[in-house]
Amino acid sequence: MIAAAPKALFADYLELTKPRLSSLSVLTALVGYLAARPQHEGWKLVFAVVGTACAAGGVAALNQYMEWDTDALMRRTADRPIPSGKVTTGSAFVLGWGLCTVGLAILFAAVNGLAAFFALLTMVCYLALYTPAKKRSPWATEIGALAGALPPLIGWAAAEGKISALGWILFGVLLFWQIPHFMAIAWLYRSDYAAARFPMLSVRDASGRQVARWSLVSAVLLVAVSLLPTLLGFATVYYLAVAVVAGVWFVGRAVNFLRPEGREFAARRLFFASLAYLPVQLVMLVADRCLLAR
């Protein structure tokens, strides 16, 4: 066990919750809630956000507890709180389970059982399936994408008490968005993943052809799913116009990733494009739903 520094700072414990990654779960849950109910109940929204935030932070802490040994082998993660010796594994374990328990309790008691169920399902997928799979399966990225696509359903369940078709479309958007996003990361940090002996596609595919092709296929599927809200009557043509323009641009970045020359640069551009694409898509959907609700 790695010994902690004499005084672990609040910032070290905060880092255990992976604020940037956890905030994505919270924001997508918020999108799910607002898309389901543009004219929302403030108190329920607050509890849904707080419960999701606690659950997401707890999962992140437990993930670092489970992976501290492999984190220590990779340059991009070696300075995380546990492998760097700032926080003990025991502290991370207690913090993680504590936050998960609080998050589930808030969602179950103050929101509804279905929202708590999807939060629990996210925990199971991430901790019991995705985290162990990273060391054993080439499909770990896809398993992780499944876990990462569930938070919008937490928000949707909080708003409606059930999941309608648009909620599942949001799930699909998040699912397919994550593949090119994480494939770009996996290619840029393939030497780190190789050092940790993760059997990821980017490690097994030295040329990068399969990585790029799978990114393109997923980007095309993402765009196809993103058009469904308008085609099924859940959104207006204004949303459709933004979805088409953003989708064509994003697919273009994935096409550039196919070229052997400059693949490193193309992966970086695809990664940043994914960061820009998702908020534009989700904000436009919520804004459009608010327009329809008037």
C-alpha atoms as a PDB file:
ATOM      1  CA  MET A   1       0.000   0.000   0.000  1.00  0.00           C
ATOM      2  CA  ILE A   2       1.247   3.488  -0.826  1.00  0.00           C
ATOM      3  CA  ALA A   3       1.633   5.715   2.202  1.00  0.00           C
ATOM      4  CA  ALA A   4      -0.066   9.107   2.142  1.00  0.00           C
ATOM      5  CA  ALA A   5       1.671  12.397   2.552  1.00  0.00           C
ATOM      6  CA  PRO A   6       1.451  13.721   6.135  1.00  0.00           C
ATOM      7  CA  LYS A   7      -1.410  16.067   5.288  1.00  0.00           C
ATOM      8  CA  ALA A   8      -3.626  15.337   2.327  1.00  0.00           C
ATOM      9  CA  LEU A   9      -5.215  18.542   1.083  1.00  0.00           C
ATOM     10  CA  PHE A  10      -8.841  19.082   0.185  1.00  0.00           C
ATOM     11  CA  ALA A  11      -7.706  19.534  -3.421  1.00  0.00           C
ATOM     12  CA  ASP A  12      -6.249  16.013  -3.362  1.00  0.00           C
ATOM     13  CA  TYR A  13      -9.558  14.492  -2.281  1.00  0.00           C
ATOM     14  CA  LEU A  14     -11.374  16.645  -4.825  1.00  0.00           C
ATOM     15  CA  GLU A  15      -9.055  15.339  -7.542  1.00  0.00           C
ATOM     16  CA  LEU A  16     -10.063  11.795  -6.590  1.00  0.00           C
ATOM     17  CA  THR A  17     -13.577  12.604  -7.787  1.00  0.00           C
ATOM     18  CA  LYS A  18     -12.271  13.567 -11.272  1.00  0.00           C
ATOM     19  CA  PRO A  19     -14.222  16.848 -11.369  1.00  0.00           C
ATOM     20  CA  ARG A  20     -14.002  17.293 -15.150  1.00  0.00           C
ATOM     21  CA  LEU A  21     -15.213  13.779 -15.942  1.00  0.00           C
ATOM     22  CA  SER A  22     -17.823  13.830 -13.189  1.00  0.00           C
ATOM     23  CA  SER A  23     -19.129  17.190 -14.400  1.00  0.00           C
ATOM     24  CA  LEU A  24     -19.848  15.598 -17.784  1.00  0.00           C
ATOM     25  CA  SER A  25     -22.110  13.059 -16.066  1.00  0.00           C
ATOM     26  CA  VAL A  26     -23.847  15.824 -14.145  1.00  0.00           C
ATOM     27  CA  LEU A  27     -24.316  18.020 -17.217  1.00  0.00           C
ATOM     28  CA  THR A  28     -25.690  15.189 -19.352  1.00  0.00           C
ATOM     29  CA  ALA A  29     -28.075  14.225 -16.543  1.00  0.00           C
ATOM     30  CA  LEU A  30     -29.150  17.875 -16.458  1.00  0.00           C
ATOM     31  CA  VAL A  31     -29.702  17.801 -20.218  1.00  0.00           C
ATOM     32  CA  GLY A  32     -31.827  14.683 -19.834  1.00  0.00           C
ATOM     33  CA  TYR A  33     -33.948  16.382 -17.193  1.00  0.00           C
ATOM     34  CA  LEU A  34     -34.442  19.615 -19.133  1.00  0.00           C
ATOM     35  CA  ALA A  35     -35.122  17.855 -22.422  1.00  0.00           C
ATOM     36  CA  ALA A  36     -37.787  15.760 -20.724  1.00  0.00           C
ATOM     37  CA  ARG A  37     -39.338  18.626 -18.814  1.00  0.00           C
ATOM     38  CA  PRO A  38     -38.467  22.129 -20.107  1.00  0.00           C
ATOM     39  CA  GLN A  39     -40.887  23.587 -17.526  1.00  0.00           C
ATOM     40  CA  HIS A  40     -39.181  21.913 -14.593  1.00  0.00           C
ATOM     41  CA  GLU A  41     -39.711  21.631 -10.849  1.00  0.00           C
ATOM     42  CA  GLY A  42     -36.750  23.425  -9.286  1.00  0.00           C
ATOM     43  CA  TRP A  43     -36.442  21.382  -6.117  1.00  0.00           C
ATOM     44  CA  LYS A  44     -36.424  18.040  -7.909  1.00  0.00           C
ATOM     45  CA  LEU A  45     -33.851  19.316 -10.394  1.00  0.00           C
ATOM     46  CA  VAL A  46     -31.545  20.374  -7.555  1.00  0.00           C
ATOM     47  CA  PHE A  47     -31.759  16.982  -5.849  1.00  0.00           C
ATOM     48  CA  ALA A  48     -31.212  15.200  -9.176  1.00  0.00           C
ATOM     49  CA  VAL A  49     -28.075  17.236  -9.856  1.00  0.00           C
ATOM     50  CA  VAL A  50     -26.670  16.858  -6.333  1.00  0.00           C
ATOM     51  CA  GLY A  51     -27.395  13.128  -6.236  1.00  0.00           C
ATOM     52  CA  THR A  52     -25.809  12.559  -9.637  1.00  0.00           C
ATOM     53  CA  ALA A  53     -22.779  14.641  -8.673  1.00  0.00           C
ATOM     54  CA  CYS A  54     -22.202  12.594  -5.510  1.00  0.00           C
ATOM     55  CA  ALA A  55     -22.639   9.303  -7.367  1.00  0.00           C
ATOM     56  CA  ALA A  56     -20.300  10.361 -10.195  1.00  0.00           C
ATOM     57  CA  GLY A  57     -17.634  11.576  -7.770  1.00  0.00           C
ATOM     58  CA  GLY A  58     -17.866   8.365  -5.778  1.00  0.00           C
ATOM     59  CA  VAL A  59     -17.488   6.200  -8.873  1.00  0.00           C
ATOM     60  CA  ALA A  60     -14.435   8.215  -9.932  1.00  0.00           C
ATOM     61  CA  ALA A  61     -12.802   7.784  -6.516  1.00  0.00           C
ATOM     62  CA  LEU A  62     -13.461   4.040  -6.486  1.00  0.00           C
ATOM     63  CA  ASN A  63     -12.119   3.756 -10.028  1.00  0.00           C
ATOM     64  CA  GLN A  64      -8.853   5.358  -8.918  1.00  0.00           C
ATOM     65  CA  TYR A  65      -8.782   3.071  -5.879  1.00  0.00           C
ATOM     66  CA  MET A  66      -9.110   0.051  -8.178  1.00  0.00           C
ATOM     67  CA  GLU A  67      -6.559   1.277 -10.728  1.00  0.00           C
ATOM     68  CA  TRP A  68      -3.861   2.961  -8.646  1.00  0.00           C
ATOM     69  CA  ASP A  69      -1.288   0.329  -9.609  1.00  0.00           C
ATOM     70  CA  THR A  70      -1.774   0.775 -13.365  1.00  0.00           C
ATOM     71  CA  ASP A  71      -2.109   4.549 -12.938  1.00  0.00           C
ATOM     72  CA  ALA A  72       1.400   4.500 -11.491  1.00  0.00           C
ATOM     73  CA  LEU A  73       2.719   2.977 -14.738  1.00  0.00           C
ATOM     74  CA  MET A  74       1.367   5.689 -17.036  1.00  0.00           C
ATOM     75  CA  ARG A  75       2.825   9.183 -17.349  1.00  0.00           C
ATOM     76  CA  ARG A  76      -0.567  10.851 -17.754  1.00  0.00           C
ATOM     77  CA  THR A  77      -1.911   9.334 -14.512  1.00  0.00           C
ATOM     78  CA  ALA A  78       1.181   8.817 -12.344  1.00  0.00           C
ATOM     79  CA  ASP A  79       0.594  12.078 -10.479  1.00  0.00           C
ATOM     80  CA  ARG A  80      -2.939  11.192  -9.415  1.00  0.00           C
ATOM     81  CA  PRO A  81      -3.551  11.326  -5.638  1.00  0.00           C
ATOM     82  CA  ILE A  82      -3.034   7.627  -4.837  1.00  0.00           C
ATOM     83  CA  PRO A  83       0.018   6.684  -6.969  1.00  0.00           C
ATOM     84  CA  SER A  84       1.698   9.979  -6.050  1.00  0.00           C
ATOM     85  CA  GLY A  85       1.250   9.182  -2.346  1.00  0.00           C
ATOM     86  CA  LYS A  86      -0.994  12.149  -1.531  1.00  0.00           C
ATOM     87  CA  VAL A  87      -3.970  10.013  -0.457  1.00  0.00           C
ATOM     88  CA  THR A  88      -4.085   6.465   0.906  1.00  0.00           C
ATOM     89  CA  THR A  89      -6.031   3.710  -0.801  1.00  0.00           C
ATOM     90  CA  GLY A  90      -8.157   3.341   2.333  1.00  0.00           C
ATOM     91  CA  SER A  91      -9.181   6.981   2.273  1.00  0.00           C
ATOM     92  CA  ALA A  92     -10.099   6.733  -1.407  1.00  0.00           C
ATOM     93  CA  PHE A  93     -12.184   3.619  -0.704  1.00  0.00           C
ATOM     94  CA  VAL A  94     -14.115   5.276   2.123  1.00  0.00           C
ATOM     95  CA  LEU A  95     -14.643   8.499   0.162  1.00  0.00           C
ATOM     96  CA  GLY A  96     -15.805   6.614  -2.923  1.00  0.00           C
ATOM     97  CA  TRP A  97     -18.331   4.394  -1.196  1.00  0.00           C
ATOM     98  CA  GLY A  98     -19.498   7.266   0.990  1.00  0.00           C
ATOM     99  CA  LEU A  99     -20.258   9.485  -1.997  1.00  0.00           C
ATOM    100  CA  CYS A 100     -21.939   6.647  -3.894  1.00  0.00           C
ATOM    101  CA  THR A 101     -24.148   5.858  -0.916  1.00  0.00           C
ATOM    102  CA  VAL A 102     -25.102   9.496  -0.383  1.00  0.00           C
ATOM    103  CA  GLY A 103     -25.814   9.968  -4.079  1.00  0.00           C
ATOM    104  CA  LEU A 104     -28.075   6.923  -4.280  1.00  0.00           C
ATOM    105  CA  ALA A 105     -29.866   7.902  -1.072  1.00  0.00           C
ATOM    106  CA  ILE A 106     -30.593  11.414  -2.368  1.00  0.00           C
ATOM    107  CA  LEU A 107     -31.872  10.141  -5.709  1.00  0.00           C
ATOM    108  CA  PHE A 108     -34.034   7.440  -4.133  1.00  0.00           C
ATOM    109  CA  ALA A 109     -35.493   9.532  -1.292  1.00  0.00           C
ATOM    110  CA  ALA A 110     -35.796  12.963  -2.907  1.00  0.00           C
ATOM    111  CA  VAL A 111     -36.250  12.151  -6.614  1.00  0.00           C
ATOM    112  CA  ASN A 112     -37.542   8.665  -7.481  1.00  0.00           C
ATOM    113  CA  GLY A 113     -36.549   5.008  -7.585  1.00  0.00           C
ATOM    114  CA  LEU A 114     -35.985   4.898 -11.337  1.00  0.00           C
ATOM    115  CA  ALA A 115     -33.405   7.695 -11.205  1.00  0.00           C
ATOM    116  CA  ALA A 116     -31.639   5.849  -8.370  1.00  0.00           C
ATOM    117  CA  PHE A 117     -31.766   2.635 -10.415  1.00  0.00           C
ATOM    118  CA  PHE A 118     -30.011   4.213 -13.400  1.00  0.00           C
ATOM    119  CA  ALA A 119     -27.395   5.729 -11.080  1.00  0.00           C
ATOM    120  CA  LEU A 120     -26.803   2.283  -9.564  1.00  0.00           C
ATOM    121  CA  LEU A 121     -26.645   0.746 -13.048  1.00  0.00           C
ATOM    122  CA  THR A 122     -24.013   3.338 -14.001  1.00  0.00           C
ATOM    123  CA  MET A 123     -21.945   2.362 -10.959  1.00  0.00           C
ATOM    124  CA  VAL A 124     -22.188  -1.334 -11.772  1.00  0.00           C
ATOM    125  CA  CYS A 125     -21.280  -0.842 -15.441  1.00  0.00           C
ATOM    126  CA  TYR A 126     -18.333   1.412 -14.634  1.00  0.00           C
ATOM    127  CA  LEU A 127     -16.873  -0.356 -11.608  1.00  0.00           C
ATOM    128  CA  ALA A 128     -17.848  -4.015 -12.075  1.00  0.00           C
ATOM    129  CA  LEU A 129     -17.593  -4.185 -15.879  1.00  0.00           C
ATOM    130  CA  TYR A 130     -15.559  -1.348 -17.417  1.00  0.00           C
ATOM    131  CA  THR A 131     -12.760  -1.002 -14.864  1.00  0.00           C
ATOM    132  CA  PRO A 132     -11.840  -4.736 -14.766  1.00  0.00           C
ATOM    133  CA  ALA A 133     -12.328  -5.015 -18.557  1.00  0.00           C
ATOM    134  CA  LYS A 134      -9.595  -2.435 -19.209  1.00  0.00           C
ATOM    135  CA  LYS A 135      -7.038  -5.029 -18.141  1.00  0.00           C
ATOM    136  CA  ARG A 136      -8.636  -7.975 -19.943  1.00  0.00           C
ATOM    137  CA  SER A 137     -10.811  -7.044 -22.896  1.00  0.00           C
ATOM    138  CA  PRO A 138     -10.322  -5.111 -26.149  1.00  0.00           C
ATOM    139  CA  TRP A 139     -13.976  -4.085 -25.794  1.00  0.00           C
ATOM    140  CA  ALA A 140     -13.368  -2.044 -22.641  1.00  0.00           C
ATOM    141  CA  THR A 141     -13.879   1.251 -24.466  1.00  0.00           C
ATOM    142  CA  GLU A 142     -17.314   0.190 -25.658  1.00  0.00           C
ATOM    143  CA  ILE A 143     -18.254  -1.022 -22.169  1.00  0.00           C
ATOM    144  CA  GLY A 144     -17.114   2.313 -20.783  1.00  0.00           C
ATOM    145  CA  ALA A 145     -19.194   4.115 -23.418  1.00  0.00           C
ATOM    146  CA  LEU A 146     -22.249   2.211 -22.213  1.00  0.00           C
ATOM    147  CA  ALA A 147     -21.636   3.395 -18.654  1.00  0.00           C
ATOM    148  CA  GLY A 148     -20.987   6.948 -19.816  1.00  0.00           C
ATOM    149  CA  ALA A 149     -24.246   7.051 -21.789  1.00  0.00           C
ATOM    150  CA  LEU A 150     -26.456   6.296 -18.764  1.00  0.00           C
ATOM    151  CA  PRO A 151     -26.426   9.673 -16.897  1.00  0.00           C
ATOM    152  CA  PRO A 152     -28.948  11.328 -19.295  1.00  0.00           C
ATOM    153  CA  LEU A 153     -31.355   8.563 -18.300  1.00  0.00           C
ATOM    154  CA  ILE A 154     -30.893   9.511 -14.638  1.00  0.00           C
ATOM    155  CA  GLY A 155     -32.058  13.022 -15.481  1.00  0.00           C
ATOM    156  CA  TRP A 156     -34.870  11.820 -17.721  1.00  0.00           C
ATOM    157  CA  ALA A 157     -36.131   9.408 -15.074  1.00  0.00           C
ATOM    158  CA  ALA A 158     -35.975  12.203 -12.488  1.00  0.00           C
ATOM    159  CA  ALA A 159     -38.176  14.401 -14.684  1.00  0.00           C
ATOM    160  CA  GLU A 160     -40.720  11.889 -15.985  1.00  0.00           C
ATOM    161  CA  GLY A 161     -40.502   8.798 -13.789  1.00  0.00           C
ATOM    162  CA  LYS A 162     -40.080   6.776 -16.994  1.00  0.00           C
ATOM    163  CA  ILE A 163     -37.889   6.789 -20.113  1.00  0.00           C
ATOM    164  CA  SER A 164     -39.532   7.850 -23.359  1.00  0.00           C
ATOM    165  CA  ALA A 165     -38.137   7.538 -26.895  1.00  0.00           C
ATOM    166  CA  LEU A 166     -36.230  10.833 -26.804  1.00  0.00           C
ATOM    167  CA  GLY A 167     -34.512   9.728 -23.606  1.00  0.00           C
ATOM    168  CA  TRP A 168     -33.184   6.638 -25.371  1.00  0.00           C
ATOM    169  CA  ILE A 169     -32.087   8.796 -28.306  1.00  0.00           C
ATOM    170  CA  LEU A 170     -30.033  10.880 -25.878  1.00  0.00           C
ATOM    171  CA  PHE A 171     -28.533   7.657 -24.578  1.00  0.00           C
ATOM    172  CA  GLY A 172     -27.595   6.755 -28.171  1.00  0.00           C
ATOM    173  CA  VAL A 173     -26.005  10.160 -28.797  1.00  0.00           C
ATOM    174  CA  LEU A 174     -23.799   9.811 -25.726  1.00  0.00           C
ATOM    175  CA  LEU A 175     -22.979   6.193 -26.554  1.00  0.00           C
ATOM    176  CA  PHE A 176     -21.751   6.813 -30.099  1.00  0.00           C
ATOM    177  CA  TRP A 177     -20.091  10.157 -29.262  1.00  0.00           C
ATOM    178  CA  GLN A 178     -17.777   8.502 -26.762  1.00  0.00           C
ATOM    179  CA  ILE A 179     -16.211   6.066 -29.261  1.00  0.00           C
ATOM    180  CA  PRO A 180     -14.432   8.605 -31.507  1.00  0.00           C
ATOM    181  CA  HIS A 181     -13.736  10.762 -28.454  1.00  0.00           C
ATOM    182  CA  PHE A 182     -11.950   7.971 -26.592  1.00  0.00           C
ATOM    183  CA  MET A 183     -10.391   6.435 -29.712  1.00  0.00           C
ATOM    184  CA  ALA A 184      -8.627   9.756 -30.274  1.00  0.00           C
ATOM    185  CA  ILE A 185      -7.391   9.725 -26.670  1.00  0.00           C
ATOM    186  CA  ALA A 186      -6.364   6.075 -26.937  1.00  0.00           C
ATOM    187  CA  TRP A 187      -4.285   6.796 -30.039  1.00  0.00           C
ATOM    188  CA  LEU A 188      -2.561   9.831 -28.528  1.00  0.00           C
ATOM    189  CA  TYR A 189      -1.686   7.913 -25.336  1.00  0.00           C
ATOM    190  CA  ARG A 190      -1.178   4.456 -26.815  1.00  0.00           C
ATOM    191  CA  SER A 191       2.344   4.168 -25.344  1.00  0.00           C
ATOM    192  CA  ASP A 192       0.920   4.755 -21.855  1.00  0.00           C
ATOM    193  CA  TYR A 193      -1.745   2.089 -22.347  1.00  0.00           C
ATOM    194  CA  ALA A 194       0.873  -0.301 -23.680  1.00  0.00           C
ATOM    195  CA  ALA A 195       3.024   0.310 -20.584  1.00  0.00           C
ATOM    196  CA  ALA A 196       0.030  -0.593 -18.393  1.00  0.00           C
ATOM    197  CA  ARG A 197      -0.637  -3.664 -20.601  1.00  0.00           C
ATOM    198  CA  PHE A 198      -4.174  -2.598 -21.452  1.00  0.00           C
ATOM    199  CA  PRO A 199      -5.309  -4.623 -24.523  1.00  0.00           C
ATOM    200  CA  MET A 200      -6.906  -1.602 -26.172  1.00  0.00           C
ATOM    201  CA  LEU A 201      -7.470  -1.353 -29.918  1.00  0.00           C
ATOM    202  CA  SER A 202      -4.876   1.409 -30.184  1.00  0.00           C
ATOM    203  CA  VAL A 203      -2.274  -0.900 -28.586  1.00  0.00           C
ATOM    204  CA  ARG A 204      -3.081  -3.911 -30.776  1.00  0.00           C
ATOM    205  CA  ASP A 205      -3.456  -1.868 -33.983  1.00  0.00           C
ATOM    206  CA  ALA A 206      -0.009  -0.348 -34.519  1.00  0.00           C
ATOM    207  CA  SER A 207      -0.992   1.205 -37.852  1.00  0.00           C
ATOM    208  CA  GLY A 208      -4.036   2.993 -36.454  1.00  0.00           C
ATOM    209  CA  ARG A 209      -6.241   1.931 -39.378  1.00  0.00           C
ATOM    210  CA  GLN A 210      -8.750   0.008 -37.264  1.00  0.00           C
ATOM    211  CA  VAL A 211      -8.838   2.769 -34.655  1.00  0.00           C
ATOM    212  CA  ALA A 212      -9.621   5.360 -37.316  1.00  0.00           C
ATOM    213  CA  ARG A 213     -12.222   3.201 -39.078  1.00  0.00           C
ATOM    214  CA  TRP A 214     -14.087   2.460 -35.867  1.00  0.00           C
ATOM    215  CA  SER A 215     -14.022   6.173 -35.034  1.00  0.00           C
ATOM    216  CA  LEU A 216     -15.551   7.013 -38.421  1.00  0.00           C
ATOM    217  CA  VAL A 217     -18.250   4.333 -38.166  1.00  0.00           C
ATOM    218  CA  SER A 218     -19.210   5.590 -34.709  1.00  0.00           C
ATOM    219  CA  ALA A 219     -19.238   9.213 -35.867  1.00  0.00           C
ATOM    220  CA  VAL A 220     -21.612   8.335 -38.719  1.00  0.00           C
ATOM    221  CA  LEU A 221     -23.884   6.420 -36.325  1.00  0.00           C
ATOM    222  CA  LEU A 222     -23.767   9.393 -33.961  1.00  0.00           C
ATOM    223  CA  VAL A 223     -24.966  11.752 -36.676  1.00  0.00           C
ATOM    224  CA  ALA A 224     -27.719   9.347 -37.722  1.00  0.00           C
ATOM    225  CA  VAL A 225     -29.023   9.119 -34.147  1.00  0.00           C
ATOM    226  CA  SER A 226     -28.732  12.887 -33.666  1.00  0.00           C
ATOM    227  CA  LEU A 227     -31.206  13.468 -36.520  1.00  0.00           C
ATOM    228  CA  LEU A 228     -33.931  11.321 -34.945  1.00  0.00           C
ATOM    229  CA  PRO A 229     -35.380  13.994 -32.607  1.00  0.00           C
ATOM    230  CA  THR A 230     -36.637  16.014 -35.566  1.00  0.00           C
ATOM    231  CA  LEU A 231     -37.531  13.018 -37.714  1.00  0.00           C
ATOM    232  CA  LEU A 232     -39.684  11.635 -34.880  1.00  0.00           C
ATOM    233  CA  GLY A 233     -41.282  14.975 -34.045  1.00  0.00           C
ATOM    234  CA  PHE A 234     -39.452  15.754 -30.800  1.00  0.00           C
ATOM    235  CA  ALA A 235     -37.568  18.784 -32.180  1.00  0.00           C
ATOM    236  CA  THR A 236     -37.913  21.435 -34.873  1.00  0.00           C
ATOM    237  CA  VAL A 237     -36.051  22.013 -38.130  1.00  0.00           C
ATOM    238  CA  TYR A 238     -33.851  24.537 -36.311  1.00  0.00           C
ATOM    239  CA  TYR A 239     -32.393  21.722 -34.249  1.00  0.00           C
ATOM    240  CA  LEU A 240     -32.085  19.590 -37.389  1.00  0.00           C
ATOM    241  CA  ALA A 241     -30.082  22.281 -39.178  1.00  0.00           C
ATOM    242  CA  VAL A 242     -27.583  22.524 -36.325  1.00  0.00           C
ATOM    243  CA  ALA A 243     -27.375  18.728 -36.029  1.00  0.00           C
ATOM    244  CA  VAL A 244     -26.623  18.366 -39.744  1.00  0.00           C
ATOM    245  CA  VAL A 245     -23.948  21.091 -39.851  1.00  0.00           C
ATOM    246  CA  ALA A 246     -22.261  19.937 -36.622  1.00  0.00           C
ATOM    247  CA  GLY A 247     -22.494  16.311 -37.714  1.00  0.00           C
ATOM    248  CA  VAL A 248     -20.927  16.869 -41.139  1.00  0.00           C
ATOM    249  CA  TRP A 249     -18.081  18.806 -39.512  1.00  0.00           C
ATOM    250  CA  PHE A 250     -17.493  16.086 -36.929  1.00  0.00           C
ATOM    251  CA  VAL A 251     -17.566  13.289 -39.504  1.00  0.00           C
ATOM    252  CA  GLY A 252     -15.056  15.292 -41.536  1.00  0.00           C
ATOM    253  CA  ARG A 253     -12.658  15.245 -38.586  1.00  0.00           C
ATOM    254  CA  ALA A 254     -13.123  11.465 -38.338  1.00  0.00           C
ATOM    255  CA  VAL A 255     -12.414  11.103 -42.080  1.00  0.00           C
ATOM    256  CA  ASN A 256      -9.142  13.019 -41.644  1.00  0.00           C
ATOM    257  CA  PHE A 257      -8.176  10.530 -38.927  1.00  0.00           C
ATOM    258  CA  LEU A 258      -8.183   7.798 -41.606  1.00  0.00           C
ATOM    259  CA  ARG A 259      -5.147   9.221 -43.362  1.00  0.00           C
ATOM    260  CA  PRO A 260      -1.868   7.582 -42.328  1.00  0.00           C
ATOM    261  CA  GLU A 261       0.108  10.788 -42.727  1.00  0.00           C
ATOM    262  CA  GLY A 262      -0.432  13.171 -39.849  1.00  0.00           C
ATOM    263  CA  ARG A 263      -2.587  10.727 -37.875  1.00  0.00           C
ATOM    264  CA  GLU A 264      -1.283  12.095 -34.579  1.00  0.00           C
ATOM    265  CA  PHE A 265      -2.383  15.616 -35.492  1.00  0.00           C
ATOM    266  CA  ALA A 266      -5.712  14.334 -36.848  1.00  0.00           C
ATOM    267  CA  ALA A 267      -6.374  12.461 -33.598  1.00  0.00           C
ATOM    268  CA  ARG A 268      -5.783  15.637 -31.628  1.00  0.00           C
ATOM    269  CA  ARG A 269      -8.155  17.571 -33.892  1.00  0.00           C
ATOM    270  CA  LEU A 270     -10.787  14.843 -33.581  1.00  0.00           C
ATOM    271  CA  PHE A 271     -10.491  14.959 -29.802  1.00  0.00           C
ATOM    272  CA  PHE A 272     -11.010  18.727 -29.643  1.00  0.00           C
ATOM    273  CA  ALA A 273     -13.803  18.493 -32.210  1.00  0.00           C
ATOM    274  CA  SER A 274     -15.584  16.005 -29.950  1.00  0.00           C
ATOM    275  CA  LEU A 275     -15.319  18.457 -27.052  1.00  0.00           C
ATOM    276  CA  ALA A 276     -16.948  21.165 -29.163  1.00  0.00           C
ATOM    277  CA  TYR A 277     -19.562  18.963 -30.839  1.00  0.00           C
ATOM    278  CA  LEU A 278     -21.300  17.535 -27.781  1.00  0.00           C
ATOM    279  CA  PRO A 279     -22.208  20.770 -25.940  1.00  0.00           C
ATOM    280  CA  VAL A 280     -23.421  22.387 -29.168  1.00  0.00           C
ATOM    281  CA  GLN A 281     -25.637  19.381 -29.885  1.00  0.00           C
ATOM    282  CA  LEU A 282     -27.056  19.074 -26.388  1.00  0.00           C
ATOM    283  CA  VAL A 283     -27.591  22.781 -25.757  1.00  0.00           C
ATOM    284  CA  MET A 284     -29.418  23.110 -29.080  1.00  0.00           C
ATOM    285  CA  LEU A 285     -31.667  20.159 -28.211  1.00  0.00           C
ATOM    286  CA  VAL A 286     -32.613  21.646 -24.836  1.00  0.00           C
ATOM    287  CA  ALA A 287     -33.157  25.107 -26.352  1.00  0.00           C
ATOM    288  CA  ASP A 288     -35.317  23.626 -29.084  1.00  0.00           C
ATOM    289  CA  ARG A 289     -37.378  21.639 -26.570  1.00  0.00           C
ATOM    290  CA  CYS A 290     -37.923  24.824 -24.559  1.00  0.00           C
ATOM    291  CA  LEU A 291     -39.107  26.533 -27.746  1.00  0.00           C
ATOM    292  CA  LEU A 292     -41.593  23.725 -28.407  1.00  0.00           C
ATOM    293  CA  ALA A 293     -42.884  23.900 -24.819  1.00  0.00           C
ATOM    294  CA  ARG A 294     -43.996  27.518 -25.161  1.00  0.00           C
END
